[in-house]
Amino acid sequence: MRVKPEMADATIVAHDEIFPHGAVVPPIMQTSLFVFESYHDMVGCFRGDNDLPIYSRGKNPTVREFERKVAALEGAADARALSSGMAAISNAVLSQVRCGDRILCVRNVYPDAYRLFLSLLPRFGIEVEFVDGCDLNAVAAALPGCRLFYIESPTSWIFETLDLSSLAEMARSEGVVTIVDNSWATPIFQKPISHGIDMVVHSASKYLGGHSDTVAGVIAGRQEMIDAVNEFVAPYLGGKLAPFEAWLLVRGLRTLPIRMAQHDRVGRIIGERLRNHPAVARVYHPGLEGRGEQTLKGCSSLMAFDVAEGIDIPAFCDRLKLFKLGVSWGGHESLVVPAIAGLEQKNGPNSAKAFELSPRLIRLHVGLEDVDDLWGDLCQALEPGSKQ
């Protein structure tokens, strides 16, 4: 029995077809090409009469297992897996826009998405406008004449949650395609397609993989939209997902509901304790700020906080023992990234238009270590000795 969207998430990630030789996990089809038993089969495949794979840049059975599960989790007709989250974003966007089109994008999205919109797309005659996604009137005024509306909810770094149902309805009334990055919440806690969104993208390197050992991306959506990615963009950009990485991602999905429940629990505990710490001025966490209830069923453990004036941020970072300094998130390990480091980074987050971060902001990913050990690590790093 094939996994279906109406199944519970836990069943989707745990249940499989019977694989060859009775294997309980999918085989790794580590091959570049596939041969045909007959001329008839080859010609039929080239004509689209059958679904046989030809070349792993286009289709691979191991990758297909991952795509099917993500599509079912998101309630989508189909999905396309790619080599990174940025590959997913660029393939999804380029499958929908043409020279002369205008894209509307909410503020505070992933910095590399900003750079794609601001540096690369204008070379092809594509205009990009940024808008406050929380301001429905501003969105309504900017949508007419757009081809595409690109959304994150929650947004990067400051985790603003947006009214996806209203945004999707407004875009649909103007004939505008919507894309949402759902990496933060995952389909366990948010299903944008059920709120009217057309396409969903993920950095599968994050919670979907969950082990910090894979870089990947995936797009889910209506069949005609995934067909457009597969036919007009993905074969020519070449950002294919390798079979072994797809196998790792299927493995990661097995525990996704359990891991997300734990990330939600420990993230709320750490966030609440930070809110009450004298060295912390503000915590950015949707679950603690009463935001996102209309779409979010839970929260991941990626958040941010402003430290109080006088806290030496480099000293704080260097005093941490369990939290490591590193980009990305969604794995088992706990991580911090201070926004001030972006001021030193060439083309860093603060260099992008419509994306300015407070120099007191620190992004925090709470991993799967013991929550009291993690809290003790934060407390000792925030002790008065770390002040200027």
Foldseek 3Di string as FASTA:
>chain_A
DAQALVDDLLCLLQDDDQEPPRDRAHDQPQDFADDDPDPVVVVCVVVVVDDDTGGQLQDDVLLQSLFSSQQSLLVFPTKAKFQALVVQVVLLVVLFDAAQAEEEEEFQADLVVLCCQPPPVVVRNYHYDYDHQQDLVRLLVPQARHAEYEYEALHPQQRAGHDLLSSLVSNVVRNHAYEYEPAFQRSLWFRSVVSNHAKYKYQCCAQLLAANPGHMMMMGGYPVSVVSSSPPPSSVVSRGDRSVRSSSSSVSSNCSNVQQVLQQVLLVVLQVVLVVDPQWDDKRFCVVVVPDPVGTPTGGNKIKTFTDPQFQVVQLQVQFDQEHDDDGYRYQGKYKHQVLVQVVDDSRQCVRPSGHDDNRMMIIHDHNDDSVVNNVRNVVSRPPVRGD
